[in-house]
N, C-alpha and C. Protein backbone atom coordinates (compact mmCIF):
# COMPACT_ATOMS: atom_id res chain seq x y z
N MET A 1 71.13 271.06 169.93
CA MET A 1 71.59 272.09 169.02
C MET A 1 70.49 272.36 167.99
N VAL A 2 70.25 273.63 167.74
CA VAL A 2 69.21 274.06 166.79
C VAL A 2 69.87 274.27 165.44
N GLN A 3 69.34 273.60 164.40
CA GLN A 3 69.98 273.65 163.08
C GLN A 3 68.97 273.88 161.96
N ILE A 4 69.47 274.48 160.91
CA ILE A 4 68.79 274.56 159.63
C ILE A 4 69.83 274.09 158.62
N GLY A 5 69.39 273.34 157.64
CA GLY A 5 70.35 272.87 156.66
C GLY A 5 69.72 272.72 155.30
N CYS A 6 70.59 272.54 154.32
CA CYS A 6 70.14 272.33 152.96
C CYS A 6 71.23 271.56 152.22
N TYR A 7 70.87 271.06 151.06
CA TYR A 7 71.87 270.43 150.19
C TYR A 7 72.21 271.39 149.08
N MET A 8 73.50 271.49 148.81
CA MET A 8 74.00 272.29 147.70
C MET A 8 74.97 271.43 146.90
N TYR A 9 75.17 271.81 145.66
CA TYR A 9 76.17 271.10 144.86
C TYR A 9 77.53 271.25 145.52
N ASP A 10 78.40 270.26 145.34
CA ASP A 10 79.73 270.30 145.96
C ASP A 10 80.47 271.60 145.65
N ALA A 11 80.42 272.03 144.40
CA ALA A 11 81.13 273.25 144.01
C ALA A 11 80.57 274.47 144.75
N GLU A 12 79.26 274.51 144.93
CA GLU A 12 78.64 275.63 145.66
C GLU A 12 79.05 275.61 147.12
N ALA A 13 79.06 274.44 147.73
CA ALA A 13 79.45 274.32 149.13
C ALA A 13 80.91 274.73 149.32
N GLU A 14 81.76 274.33 148.38
CA GLU A 14 83.17 274.72 148.44
C GLU A 14 83.33 276.23 148.27
N GLU A 15 82.57 276.80 147.35
CA GLU A 15 82.64 278.25 147.14
C GLU A 15 82.17 278.99 148.39
N LEU A 16 81.14 278.47 149.05
CA LEU A 16 80.65 279.08 150.29
C LEU A 16 81.72 279.01 151.38
N THR A 17 82.43 277.88 151.46
CA THR A 17 83.51 277.73 152.44
C THR A 17 84.64 278.71 152.15
N THR A 18 85.02 278.84 150.89
CA THR A 18 86.08 279.77 150.50
C THR A 18 85.68 281.20 150.80
N TYR A 19 84.46 281.56 150.45
CA TYR A 19 83.95 282.91 150.71
C TYR A 19 83.96 283.20 152.21
N ALA A 20 83.51 282.25 153.01
CA ALA A 20 83.52 282.43 154.47
C ALA A 20 84.93 282.67 154.97
N SER A 21 85.88 281.90 154.48
CA SER A 21 87.25 282.06 154.96
C SER A 21 87.83 283.42 154.55
N LEU A 22 87.45 283.93 153.39
CA LEU A 22 87.89 285.27 152.98
C LEU A 22 87.35 286.35 153.91
N LEU A 23 86.19 286.08 154.51
CA LEU A 23 85.59 287.00 155.48
C LEU A 23 86.05 286.69 156.90
N GLU A 24 86.97 285.71 157.02
CA GLU A 24 87.48 285.25 158.30
C GLU A 24 86.37 284.70 159.20
N LEU A 25 85.48 283.95 158.56
CA LEU A 25 84.39 283.27 159.25
C LEU A 25 84.43 281.79 158.90
N THR A 26 83.77 280.97 159.69
CA THR A 26 83.53 279.59 159.29
C THR A 26 82.31 279.57 158.39
N ARG A 27 82.15 278.51 157.63
CA ARG A 27 80.97 278.41 156.78
C ARG A 27 79.68 278.45 157.60
N PRO A 28 79.58 277.70 158.72
CA PRO A 28 78.35 277.79 159.51
C PRO A 28 78.09 279.20 160.06
N ALA A 29 79.14 279.91 160.44
CA ALA A 29 78.96 281.28 160.94
C ALA A 29 78.46 282.20 159.83
N LEU A 30 79.03 282.06 158.63
CA LEU A 30 78.57 282.86 157.49
C LEU A 30 77.10 282.57 157.20
N CYS A 31 76.74 281.31 157.18
CA CYS A 31 75.36 280.93 156.88
C CYS A 31 74.39 281.45 157.94
N ALA A 32 74.79 281.41 159.20
CA ALA A 32 73.96 281.94 160.28
C ALA A 32 73.78 283.45 160.10
N LEU A 33 74.83 284.13 159.70
CA LEU A 33 74.77 285.57 159.46
C LEU A 33 73.80 285.87 158.31
N ILE A 34 73.85 285.10 157.26
CA ILE A 34 72.95 285.28 156.11
C ILE A 34 71.50 285.08 156.54
N ILE A 35 71.24 284.08 157.35
CA ILE A 35 69.87 283.83 157.83
C ILE A 35 69.40 284.97 158.74
N GLN A 36 70.26 285.42 159.62
CA GLN A 36 69.88 286.52 160.50
C GLN A 36 69.62 287.80 159.70
N ARG A 37 70.44 288.03 158.66
CA ARG A 37 70.22 289.20 157.81
C ARG A 37 68.87 289.11 157.11
N GLU A 38 68.51 287.92 156.67
CA GLU A 38 67.22 287.75 155.99
C GLU A 38 66.07 288.14 156.91
N LEU A 39 66.19 287.85 158.19
CA LEU A 39 65.11 288.21 159.12
C LEU A 39 65.06 289.72 159.37
N ARG A 40 66.19 290.39 159.28
CA ARG A 40 66.24 291.84 159.52
C ARG A 40 65.99 292.65 158.25
N GLU A 41 66.53 292.17 157.13
CA GLU A 41 66.40 292.85 155.85
C GLU A 41 66.06 291.82 154.77
N PRO A 42 64.79 291.46 154.67
CA PRO A 42 64.39 290.38 153.76
C PRO A 42 64.77 290.63 152.30
N LYS A 43 65.30 289.58 151.68
CA LYS A 43 65.64 289.62 150.26
C LYS A 43 64.83 288.61 149.46
N LEU A 44 64.41 287.54 150.11
CA LEU A 44 63.63 286.52 149.41
C LEU A 44 62.28 287.08 149.01
N ARG A 45 61.83 286.69 147.85
CA ARG A 45 60.51 287.11 147.37
C ARG A 45 59.79 285.85 146.90
N PRO A 46 58.45 285.86 147.02
CA PRO A 46 57.69 284.67 146.58
C PRO A 46 57.91 284.36 145.11
N SER A 47 58.22 285.36 144.30
CA SER A 47 58.36 285.15 142.86
C SER A 47 59.74 284.64 142.46
N VAL A 48 60.64 284.48 143.44
CA VAL A 48 61.98 283.99 143.11
C VAL A 48 61.85 282.61 142.46
N ALA A 49 62.49 282.47 141.31
CA ALA A 49 62.42 281.19 140.61
C ALA A 49 63.04 280.09 141.48
N LYS A 50 62.33 279.03 141.63
CA LYS A 50 62.83 277.94 142.46
C LYS A 50 63.76 277.07 141.64
N ARG A 51 64.90 276.79 142.21
CA ARG A 51 65.91 275.98 141.56
C ARG A 51 65.68 274.52 141.93
N ASP A 52 66.20 273.63 141.13
CA ASP A 52 66.01 272.22 141.45
C ASP A 52 66.62 271.90 142.81
N LYS A 53 65.95 271.04 143.53
CA LYS A 53 66.48 270.64 144.82
C LYS A 53 67.66 269.70 144.59
N VAL A 54 68.68 269.90 145.37
CA VAL A 54 69.86 269.06 145.28
C VAL A 54 69.68 267.92 146.27
N SER A 55 69.72 266.72 145.78
CA SER A 55 69.53 265.57 146.66
C SER A 55 70.84 265.23 147.38
N ALA A 56 70.71 264.45 148.41
CA ALA A 56 71.88 264.02 149.18
C ALA A 56 72.87 263.29 148.28
N ALA A 57 72.36 262.57 147.30
CA ALA A 57 73.23 261.80 146.41
C ALA A 57 74.01 262.71 145.46
N ARG A 58 73.47 263.90 145.19
CA ARG A 58 74.10 264.81 144.22
C ARG A 58 74.82 265.98 144.87
N GLY A 59 74.71 266.12 146.17
CA GLY A 59 75.30 267.31 146.78
C GLY A 59 75.84 267.08 148.17
N ARG A 60 76.12 268.18 148.82
CA ARG A 60 76.70 268.17 150.15
C ARG A 60 75.76 268.93 151.10
N ARG A 61 75.64 268.43 152.29
CA ARG A 61 74.79 269.06 153.31
C ARG A 61 75.52 270.28 153.87
N VAL A 62 74.83 271.41 153.86
CA VAL A 62 75.32 272.64 154.46
C VAL A 62 74.43 272.89 155.67
N THR A 63 75.03 272.88 156.85
CA THR A 63 74.26 272.99 158.09
C THR A 63 74.62 274.27 158.82
N VAL A 64 73.59 274.90 159.35
CA VAL A 64 73.75 276.14 160.12
C VAL A 64 73.32 275.86 161.55
N ASN A 65 74.20 276.11 162.48
CA ASN A 65 73.87 276.00 163.90
C ASN A 65 73.40 277.36 164.38
N LEU A 66 72.15 277.41 164.80
CA LEU A 66 71.57 278.66 165.26
C LEU A 66 71.62 278.73 166.78
N GLY A 67 71.62 279.92 167.31
CA GLY A 67 71.77 280.12 168.74
C GLY A 67 70.59 279.66 169.56
N ASN A 68 69.39 279.69 168.99
CA ASN A 68 68.22 279.34 169.79
C ASN A 68 67.04 278.94 168.90
N VAL A 69 66.08 278.33 169.53
CA VAL A 69 64.89 277.85 168.82
C VAL A 69 64.08 279.03 168.26
N ALA A 70 64.05 280.14 168.98
CA ALA A 70 63.27 281.30 168.53
C ALA A 70 63.76 281.79 167.16
N LEU A 71 65.06 281.78 166.93
CA LEU A 71 65.62 282.21 165.64
C LEU A 71 65.19 281.25 164.53
N LYS A 72 65.27 279.96 164.81
CA LYS A 72 64.84 278.97 163.81
C LYS A 72 63.36 279.11 163.52
N ASP A 73 62.56 279.26 164.57
CA ASP A 73 61.11 279.41 164.38
C ASP A 73 60.78 280.67 163.59
N ALA A 74 61.48 281.76 163.86
CA ALA A 74 61.25 283.01 163.14
C ALA A 74 61.59 282.85 161.66
N PHE A 75 62.71 282.19 161.37
CA PHE A 75 63.11 281.97 159.98
C PHE A 75 62.10 281.06 159.28
N THR A 76 61.72 279.99 159.94
CA THR A 76 60.76 279.05 159.35
C THR A 76 59.43 279.74 159.04
N ALA A 77 58.92 280.54 159.98
CA ALA A 77 57.67 281.26 159.76
C ALA A 77 57.80 282.27 158.61
N HIS A 78 58.91 282.96 158.58
CA HIS A 78 59.16 283.96 157.53
C HIS A 78 59.15 283.32 156.15
N VAL A 79 59.89 282.24 155.98
CA VAL A 79 59.99 281.64 154.65
C VAL A 79 58.72 280.90 154.26
N ARG A 80 58.02 280.34 155.24
CA ARG A 80 56.73 279.70 154.93
C ARG A 80 55.74 280.71 154.37
N ALA A 81 55.76 281.92 154.94
CA ALA A 81 54.86 282.97 154.46
C ALA A 81 55.15 283.33 153.00
N LEU A 82 56.36 283.06 152.55
CA LEU A 82 56.75 283.32 151.16
C LEU A 82 56.59 282.09 150.27
N GLY A 83 56.17 280.98 150.86
CA GLY A 83 55.95 279.76 150.09
C GLY A 83 57.16 278.86 149.96
N PHE A 84 58.16 279.06 150.81
CA PHE A 84 59.36 278.23 150.78
C PHE A 84 59.41 277.31 151.99
N GLY A 85 60.11 276.20 151.85
CA GLY A 85 60.51 275.40 152.99
C GLY A 85 61.82 275.98 153.51
N SER A 86 62.19 275.69 154.74
CA SER A 86 63.40 276.30 155.31
C SER A 86 64.66 275.84 154.57
N ASP A 87 64.71 274.58 154.14
CA ASP A 87 65.90 274.12 153.41
C ASP A 87 66.02 274.78 152.04
N GLU A 88 64.91 274.89 151.36
CA GLU A 88 64.88 275.53 150.04
C GLU A 88 65.26 277.02 150.15
N ALA A 89 64.74 277.69 151.17
CA ALA A 89 65.03 279.11 151.38
C ALA A 89 66.50 279.32 151.73
N ALA A 90 67.03 278.45 152.60
CA ALA A 90 68.44 278.57 152.99
C ALA A 90 69.34 278.44 151.76
N ALA A 91 69.08 277.44 150.93
CA ALA A 91 69.89 277.25 149.73
C ALA A 91 69.78 278.46 148.80
N ALA A 92 68.57 279.00 148.64
CA ALA A 92 68.39 280.17 147.78
C ALA A 92 69.15 281.38 148.32
N LEU A 93 69.10 281.58 149.63
CA LEU A 93 69.81 282.70 150.25
C LEU A 93 71.33 282.55 150.12
N PHE A 94 71.83 281.34 150.32
CA PHE A 94 73.27 281.12 150.22
C PHE A 94 73.74 281.35 148.79
N ARG A 95 72.97 280.86 147.81
CA ARG A 95 73.32 281.07 146.41
C ARG A 95 73.26 282.55 146.04
N GLN A 96 72.26 283.23 146.57
CA GLN A 96 72.11 284.66 146.30
C GLN A 96 73.32 285.43 146.85
N GLU A 97 73.75 285.08 148.04
CA GLU A 97 74.92 285.75 148.62
C GLU A 97 76.18 285.45 147.82
N LEU A 98 76.32 284.23 147.35
CA LEU A 98 77.49 283.90 146.52
C LEU A 98 77.50 284.73 145.23
N ALA A 99 76.32 284.99 144.69
CA ALA A 99 76.23 285.77 143.45
C ALA A 99 76.46 287.26 143.70
N GLU A 100 75.92 287.77 144.79
CA GLU A 100 75.97 289.22 145.05
C GLU A 100 77.19 289.66 145.84
N ARG A 101 77.66 288.81 146.75
CA ARG A 101 78.78 289.14 147.64
C ARG A 101 78.50 290.41 148.45
N SER A 102 77.25 290.60 148.86
CA SER A 102 76.89 291.82 149.57
C SER A 102 77.58 291.93 150.93
N LEU A 103 77.81 290.82 151.61
CA LEU A 103 78.52 290.89 152.89
C LEU A 103 79.96 291.33 152.68
N TRP A 104 80.54 290.91 151.58
CA TRP A 104 81.91 291.31 151.26
C TRP A 104 81.99 292.83 151.20
N TYR A 105 81.05 293.43 150.49
CA TYR A 105 81.04 294.88 150.34
C TYR A 105 80.65 295.57 151.65
N MET A 106 79.77 294.95 152.42
CA MET A 106 79.38 295.51 153.71
C MET A 106 80.59 295.58 154.64
N PHE A 107 81.46 294.59 154.56
CA PHE A 107 82.67 294.57 155.38
C PHE A 107 83.71 295.58 154.86
N GLY A 108 83.44 296.19 153.71
CA GLY A 108 84.34 297.18 153.15
C GLY A 108 85.54 296.59 152.44
N LEU A 109 85.41 295.36 151.98
CA LEU A 109 86.52 294.69 151.30
C LEU A 109 86.39 294.86 149.79
N LYS A 110 87.51 294.80 149.10
CA LYS A 110 87.49 294.88 147.65
C LYS A 110 87.60 293.47 147.10
N LEU A 111 86.77 293.18 146.14
CA LEU A 111 86.70 291.83 145.59
C LEU A 111 87.32 291.79 144.21
N ASN A 112 88.29 290.89 144.04
CA ASN A 112 88.90 290.67 142.73
C ASN A 112 88.24 289.42 142.16
N ARG A 113 87.32 289.59 141.24
CA ARG A 113 86.57 288.46 140.70
C ARG A 113 87.17 287.92 139.40
N SER A 114 88.41 288.23 139.10
CA SER A 114 88.99 287.75 137.84
C SER A 114 89.52 286.36 137.96
């Protein structure tokens, strides 16, 4: 199985799981969709402020099962060109999606953030 993963704070991982379920997806499926979107419509920039890495002791592992090695290799090459490691980039993309909820709007759903 081909995987990319990162550590996120427990609250972030839970929020990602909740968000995925609202979209009627599993968390790994949502994360795979975010990674695939990054390859088609890049959002990461080299100037993005890097957040502290979450260690295994402080967070939860978020793992994405990808369909093939070519997808993982493409993502790894893309983020390396921007100066990121794949785990760091994945965490940044997942956090960015949680903040923006762009997939929510793409699906045509209305978000009640109160």
